[in-house]
Amino acid sequence: IICNVECLRQIVTQQRKGKNMSINLKNKQDIIKEYGANEKDTGSVEVQIAMLSQKISELTEHLKTNQKDFATKRGLLMMVGRRKRLLSYLKGRDLEGYRALIKKLGIRG
């Protein structure tokens, strides 16, 4: 792992400011309640897509201020690809559920 002192300093500064890059527990639980079948439903396609959408929006905001953070950009592109595959799966399995979900999340144009 190669990381210079400036990289570590930025990570520590972001953590002190409360800018954690992951979704906090309360937001996760809210997403699970809204999109899941029950409170323990973390693996359904709808919940996974909603979680990825939340992470994608947070990383997009991060990249607006940190244009040269290429590792985050790569992670963001991988999440977008994963969400695209999950949406494709949902579309083939449940077209009405797919349409309702993209309308609720406000994605896809």
N, C-alpha and C. Protein backbone atom coordinates (compact mmCIF):
# COMPACT_ATOMS: atom_id res chain seq x y z
N ILE A 1 0.86 -1.18 0.00
CA ILE A 1 0.00 0.00 0.00
C ILE A 1 0.90 1.23 0.00
N ILE A 2 0.69 2.07 -0.98
CA ILE A 2 1.48 3.29 -1.09
C ILE A 2 0.56 4.47 -0.79
N CYS A 3 0.87 5.18 0.25
CA CYS A 3 0.08 6.36 0.62
C CYS A 3 1.03 7.32 1.31
N ASN A 4 1.09 8.52 0.83
CA ASN A 4 2.00 9.47 1.44
C ASN A 4 1.37 10.14 2.66
N VAL A 5 2.13 10.97 3.31
CA VAL A 5 1.68 11.63 4.53
C VAL A 5 0.50 12.55 4.25
N GLU A 6 0.53 13.23 3.10
CA GLU A 6 -0.56 14.15 2.76
C GLU A 6 -1.89 13.39 2.59
N CYS A 7 -1.82 12.22 1.99
CA CYS A 7 -3.01 11.38 1.81
C CYS A 7 -3.61 11.01 3.17
N LEU A 8 -2.76 10.56 4.08
CA LEU A 8 -3.24 10.21 5.43
C LEU A 8 -3.80 11.42 6.16
N ARG A 9 -3.15 12.56 5.99
CA ARG A 9 -3.63 13.79 6.64
C ARG A 9 -5.03 14.15 6.16
N GLN A 10 -5.27 14.00 4.85
CA GLN A 10 -6.59 14.31 4.32
C GLN A 10 -7.65 13.36 4.86
N ILE A 11 -7.31 12.09 4.97
CA ILE A 11 -8.27 11.11 5.50
C ILE A 11 -8.63 11.44 6.95
N VAL A 12 -7.62 11.74 7.76
CA VAL A 12 -7.87 12.08 9.16
C VAL A 12 -8.69 13.35 9.26
N THR A 13 -8.39 14.35 8.42
CA THR A 13 -9.14 15.60 8.45
C THR A 13 -10.60 15.36 8.10
N GLN A 14 -10.86 14.53 7.10
CA GLN A 14 -12.24 14.24 6.71
C GLN A 14 -12.98 13.51 7.82
N GLN A 15 -12.30 12.60 8.51
CA GLN A 15 -12.95 11.87 9.60
C GLN A 15 -13.25 12.80 10.76
N ARG A 16 -12.37 13.75 11.04
CA ARG A 16 -12.63 14.69 12.13
C ARG A 16 -13.80 15.60 11.82
N LYS A 17 -13.95 15.97 10.56
CA LYS A 17 -15.05 16.84 10.17
C LYS A 17 -16.38 16.08 10.12
N GLY A 18 -16.33 14.78 10.29
CA GLY A 18 -17.55 13.97 10.24
C GLY A 18 -17.94 13.59 8.83
N LYS A 19 -17.03 13.73 7.89
CA LYS A 19 -17.33 13.38 6.51
C LYS A 19 -16.91 11.95 6.26
N ASN A 20 -17.68 11.03 6.74
CA ASN A 20 -17.39 9.62 6.51
C ASN A 20 -17.96 9.24 5.16
N MET A 21 -17.22 8.46 4.38
CA MET A 21 -17.64 8.13 3.03
C MET A 21 -18.69 7.04 2.98
N SER A 22 -18.96 6.37 4.07
CA SER A 22 -19.97 5.32 4.04
C SER A 22 -21.28 5.84 4.59
N ILE A 23 -22.34 5.15 4.25
CA ILE A 23 -23.66 5.53 4.72
C ILE A 23 -23.73 5.21 6.21
N ASN A 24 -24.23 6.15 7.01
CA ASN A 24 -24.31 5.86 8.44
C ASN A 24 -25.48 4.92 8.73
N LEU A 25 -25.49 4.38 9.93
CA LEU A 25 -26.45 3.34 10.29
C LEU A 25 -27.89 3.81 10.20
N LYS A 26 -28.17 5.04 10.63
CA LYS A 26 -29.54 5.55 10.59
C LYS A 26 -30.05 5.64 9.15
N ASN A 27 -29.21 6.15 8.25
CA ASN A 27 -29.61 6.23 6.85
C ASN A 27 -29.84 4.85 6.25
N LYS A 28 -29.00 3.88 6.61
CA LYS A 28 -29.18 2.52 6.12
C LYS A 28 -30.51 1.96 6.58
N GLN A 29 -30.81 2.16 7.86
CA GLN A 29 -32.07 1.62 8.40
C GLN A 29 -33.27 2.29 7.74
N ASP A 30 -33.18 3.59 7.46
CA ASP A 30 -34.27 4.28 6.78
C ASP A 30 -34.48 3.72 5.38
N ILE A 31 -33.38 3.46 4.68
CA ILE A 31 -33.48 2.90 3.33
C ILE A 31 -34.09 1.50 3.37
N ILE A 32 -33.67 0.70 4.35
CA ILE A 32 -34.21 -0.66 4.47
C ILE A 32 -35.70 -0.62 4.78
N LYS A 33 -36.12 0.28 5.66
CA LYS A 33 -37.55 0.39 5.98
C LYS A 33 -38.36 0.82 4.76
N GLU A 34 -37.80 1.73 3.96
CA GLU A 34 -38.54 2.26 2.83
C GLU A 34 -38.62 1.28 1.65
N TYR A 35 -37.53 0.58 1.37
CA TYR A 35 -37.48 -0.25 0.17
C TYR A 35 -37.55 -1.75 0.44
N GLY A 36 -37.32 -2.18 1.67
CA GLY A 36 -37.30 -3.59 1.97
C GLY A 36 -38.66 -4.14 2.33
N ALA A 37 -38.77 -5.46 2.32
CA ALA A 37 -40.01 -6.12 2.69
C ALA A 37 -40.24 -6.04 4.20
N ASN A 38 -39.14 -6.11 4.97
CA ASN A 38 -39.22 -5.96 6.42
C ASN A 38 -37.93 -5.31 6.92
N GLU A 39 -37.78 -5.21 8.23
CA GLU A 39 -36.64 -4.48 8.80
C GLU A 39 -35.32 -5.23 8.67
N LYS A 40 -35.37 -6.53 8.42
CA LYS A 40 -34.16 -7.33 8.28
C LYS A 40 -33.79 -7.59 6.82
N ASP A 41 -34.57 -7.05 5.90
CA ASP A 41 -34.40 -7.32 4.47
C ASP A 41 -33.31 -6.41 3.89
N THR A 42 -32.06 -6.88 3.95
CA THR A 42 -30.96 -6.08 3.42
C THR A 42 -30.47 -6.60 2.08
N GLY A 43 -30.91 -7.77 1.68
CA GLY A 43 -30.37 -8.39 0.48
C GLY A 43 -31.26 -8.31 -0.74
N SER A 44 -32.47 -7.78 -0.61
CA SER A 44 -33.33 -7.75 -1.78
C SER A 44 -32.77 -6.77 -2.80
N VAL A 45 -33.12 -6.98 -4.04
CA VAL A 45 -32.58 -6.19 -5.13
C VAL A 45 -32.92 -4.71 -4.95
N GLU A 46 -34.14 -4.44 -4.53
CA GLU A 46 -34.58 -3.05 -4.36
C GLU A 46 -33.74 -2.32 -3.31
N VAL A 47 -33.48 -2.99 -2.20
CA VAL A 47 -32.68 -2.38 -1.13
C VAL A 47 -31.25 -2.17 -1.61
N GLN A 48 -30.69 -3.15 -2.30
CA GLN A 48 -29.32 -3.01 -2.80
C GLN A 48 -29.20 -1.84 -3.76
N ILE A 49 -30.18 -1.68 -4.65
CA ILE A 49 -30.16 -0.59 -5.61
C ILE A 49 -30.29 0.75 -4.88
N ALA A 50 -31.17 0.82 -3.89
CA ALA A 50 -31.35 2.06 -3.14
C ALA A 50 -30.08 2.43 -2.37
N MET A 51 -29.42 1.45 -1.76
CA MET A 51 -28.17 1.71 -1.04
C MET A 51 -27.09 2.20 -2.01
N LEU A 52 -26.97 1.54 -3.14
CA LEU A 52 -25.97 1.96 -4.12
C LEU A 52 -26.26 3.37 -4.63
N SER A 53 -27.54 3.69 -4.82
CA SER A 53 -27.90 5.03 -5.29
C SER A 53 -27.50 6.08 -4.27
N GLN A 54 -27.70 5.78 -2.99
CA GLN A 54 -27.31 6.70 -1.93
C GLN A 54 -25.78 6.90 -1.92
N LYS A 55 -25.04 5.81 -2.01
CA LYS A 55 -23.58 5.90 -2.03
C LYS A 55 -23.10 6.64 -3.26
N ILE A 56 -23.72 6.39 -4.41
CA ILE A 56 -23.33 7.06 -5.64
C ILE A 56 -23.54 8.57 -5.52
N SER A 57 -24.65 8.98 -4.96
CA SER A 57 -24.89 10.42 -4.81
C SER A 57 -23.89 11.06 -3.85
N GLU A 58 -23.53 10.34 -2.76
CA GLU A 58 -22.55 10.88 -1.82
C GLU A 58 -21.17 10.98 -2.47
N LEU A 59 -20.77 9.96 -3.23
CA LEU A 59 -19.47 10.00 -3.88
C LEU A 59 -19.42 11.05 -4.99
N THR A 60 -20.54 11.28 -5.65
CA THR A 60 -20.60 12.32 -6.67
C THR A 60 -20.35 13.68 -6.05
N GLU A 61 -20.96 13.93 -4.90
CA GLU A 61 -20.72 15.19 -4.19
C GLU A 61 -19.26 15.31 -3.77
N HIS A 62 -18.67 14.22 -3.32
CA HIS A 62 -17.27 14.23 -2.91
C HIS A 62 -16.37 14.56 -4.09
N LEU A 63 -16.67 13.97 -5.25
CA LEU A 63 -15.82 14.19 -6.42
C LEU A 63 -15.98 15.58 -7.01
N LYS A 64 -17.05 16.28 -6.68
CA LYS A 64 -17.19 17.66 -7.15
C LYS A 64 -16.14 18.56 -6.51
N THR A 65 -15.77 18.25 -5.27
CA THR A 65 -14.77 19.06 -4.58
C THR A 65 -13.37 18.47 -4.69
N ASN A 66 -13.26 17.18 -4.98
CA ASN A 66 -11.96 16.50 -5.07
C ASN A 66 -11.83 15.84 -6.44
N GLN A 67 -11.55 16.65 -7.45
CA GLN A 67 -11.53 16.13 -8.82
C GLN A 67 -10.42 15.12 -9.06
N LYS A 68 -9.34 15.19 -8.32
CA LYS A 68 -8.19 14.33 -8.58
C LYS A 68 -8.20 13.04 -7.75
N ASP A 69 -9.29 12.76 -7.09
CA ASP A 69 -9.40 11.54 -6.29
C ASP A 69 -9.80 10.38 -7.21
N PHE A 70 -8.80 9.82 -7.87
CA PHE A 70 -9.06 8.83 -8.90
C PHE A 70 -9.49 7.49 -8.31
N ALA A 71 -9.06 7.17 -7.11
CA ALA A 71 -9.48 5.92 -6.48
C ALA A 71 -10.98 5.95 -6.20
N THR A 72 -11.46 7.08 -5.73
CA THR A 72 -12.89 7.23 -5.47
C THR A 72 -13.66 7.20 -6.78
N LYS A 73 -13.11 7.80 -7.81
CA LYS A 73 -13.77 7.80 -9.11
C LYS A 73 -13.92 6.37 -9.64
N ARG A 74 -12.87 5.57 -9.46
CA ARG A 74 -12.93 4.17 -9.89
C ARG A 74 -13.99 3.42 -9.10
N GLY A 75 -14.03 3.64 -7.79
CA GLY A 75 -15.05 3.00 -6.96
C GLY A 75 -16.45 3.41 -7.37
N LEU A 76 -16.61 4.69 -7.69
CA LEU A 76 -17.91 5.20 -8.13
C LEU A 76 -18.34 4.52 -9.43
N LEU A 77 -17.42 4.39 -10.38
CA LEU A 77 -17.76 3.74 -11.65
C LEU A 77 -18.12 2.27 -11.44
N MET A 78 -17.44 1.61 -10.51
CA MET A 78 -17.77 0.21 -10.22
C MET A 78 -19.16 0.10 -9.60
N MET A 79 -19.51 1.05 -8.71
CA MET A 79 -20.84 1.04 -8.10
C MET A 79 -21.93 1.30 -9.14
N VAL A 80 -21.67 2.21 -10.06
CA VAL A 80 -22.64 2.50 -11.13
C VAL A 80 -22.86 1.25 -11.97
N GLY A 81 -21.78 0.52 -12.28
CA GLY A 81 -21.91 -0.72 -13.04
C GLY A 81 -22.69 -1.78 -12.30
N ARG A 82 -22.44 -1.90 -10.99
CA ARG A 82 -23.16 -2.88 -10.18
C ARG A 82 -24.64 -2.53 -10.13
N ARG A 83 -24.95 -1.23 -9.95
CA ARG A 83 -26.35 -0.80 -9.92
C ARG A 83 -27.02 -1.07 -11.26
N LYS A 84 -26.30 -0.85 -12.34
CA LYS A 84 -26.85 -1.10 -13.68
C LYS A 84 -27.19 -2.57 -13.86
N ARG A 85 -26.29 -3.45 -13.40
CA ARG A 85 -26.56 -4.89 -13.51
C ARG A 85 -27.76 -5.30 -12.66
N LEU A 86 -27.86 -4.75 -11.45
CA LEU A 86 -29.01 -5.06 -10.59
C LEU A 86 -30.31 -4.54 -11.19
N LEU A 87 -30.27 -3.35 -11.78
CA LEU A 87 -31.47 -2.81 -12.42
C LEU A 87 -31.88 -3.66 -13.61
N SER A 88 -30.92 -4.16 -14.36
CA SER A 88 -31.21 -5.02 -15.49
C SER A 88 -31.86 -6.32 -15.02
N TYR A 89 -31.34 -6.87 -13.93
CA TYR A 89 -31.91 -8.09 -13.36
C TYR A 89 -33.34 -7.84 -12.90
N LEU A 90 -33.57 -6.73 -12.21
CA LEU A 90 -34.91 -6.41 -11.72
C LEU A 90 -35.88 -6.18 -12.87
N LYS A 91 -35.40 -5.54 -13.92
CA LYS A 91 -36.25 -5.28 -15.09
C LYS A 91 -36.72 -6.59 -15.72
N GLY A 92 -35.85 -7.57 -15.78
CA GLY A 92 -36.22 -8.87 -16.35
C GLY A 92 -37.13 -9.67 -15.44
N ARG A 93 -37.00 -9.47 -14.14
CA ARG A 93 -37.78 -10.24 -13.17
C ARG A 93 -39.13 -9.61 -12.87
N ASP A 94 -39.16 -8.26 -12.73
CA ASP A 94 -40.38 -7.58 -12.30
C ASP A 94 -40.41 -6.19 -12.93
N LEU A 95 -41.02 -6.08 -14.10
CA LEU A 95 -41.00 -4.83 -14.85
C LEU A 95 -41.71 -3.70 -14.11
N GLU A 96 -42.85 -3.98 -13.51
CA GLU A 96 -43.59 -2.94 -12.78
C GLU A 96 -42.82 -2.47 -11.54
N GLY A 97 -42.20 -3.41 -10.84
CA GLY A 97 -41.37 -3.05 -9.69
C GLY A 97 -40.18 -2.20 -10.10
N TYR A 98 -39.60 -2.55 -11.26
CA TYR A 98 -38.48 -1.78 -11.82
C TYR A 98 -38.90 -0.34 -12.09
N ARG A 99 -40.03 -0.19 -12.78
CA ARG A 99 -40.51 1.16 -13.12
C ARG A 99 -40.82 1.97 -11.87
N ALA A 100 -41.43 1.33 -10.88
CA ALA A 100 -41.76 2.03 -9.64
C ALA A 100 -40.48 2.46 -8.90
N LEU A 101 -39.48 1.58 -8.88
CA LEU A 101 -38.24 1.88 -8.18
C LEU A 101 -37.47 3.03 -8.83
N ILE A 102 -37.34 3.02 -10.16
CA ILE A 102 -36.59 4.10 -10.79
C ILE A 102 -37.33 5.44 -10.66
N LYS A 103 -38.65 5.38 -10.62
CA LYS A 103 -39.42 6.60 -10.42
C LYS A 103 -39.23 7.13 -8.99
N LYS A 104 -39.24 6.21 -8.03
CA LYS A 104 -39.08 6.58 -6.62
C LYS A 104 -37.67 7.13 -6.34
N LEU A 105 -36.66 6.52 -6.97
CA LEU A 105 -35.27 6.96 -6.76
C LEU A 105 -34.91 8.17 -7.62
N GLY A 106 -35.66 8.40 -8.67
CA GLY A 106 -35.37 9.53 -9.54
C GLY A 106 -34.15 9.31 -10.42
N ILE A 107 -33.97 8.08 -10.88
CA ILE A 107 -32.83 7.78 -11.75
C ILE A 107 -33.34 7.42 -13.14
N ARG A 108 -32.44 7.33 -14.08
CA ARG A 108 -32.74 6.98 -15.47
C ARG A 108 -33.58 8.06 -16.15
N GLY A 109 -33.02 9.23 -16.23
CA GLY A 109 -33.60 10.31 -17.03
C GLY A 109 -34.84 10.88 -16.49
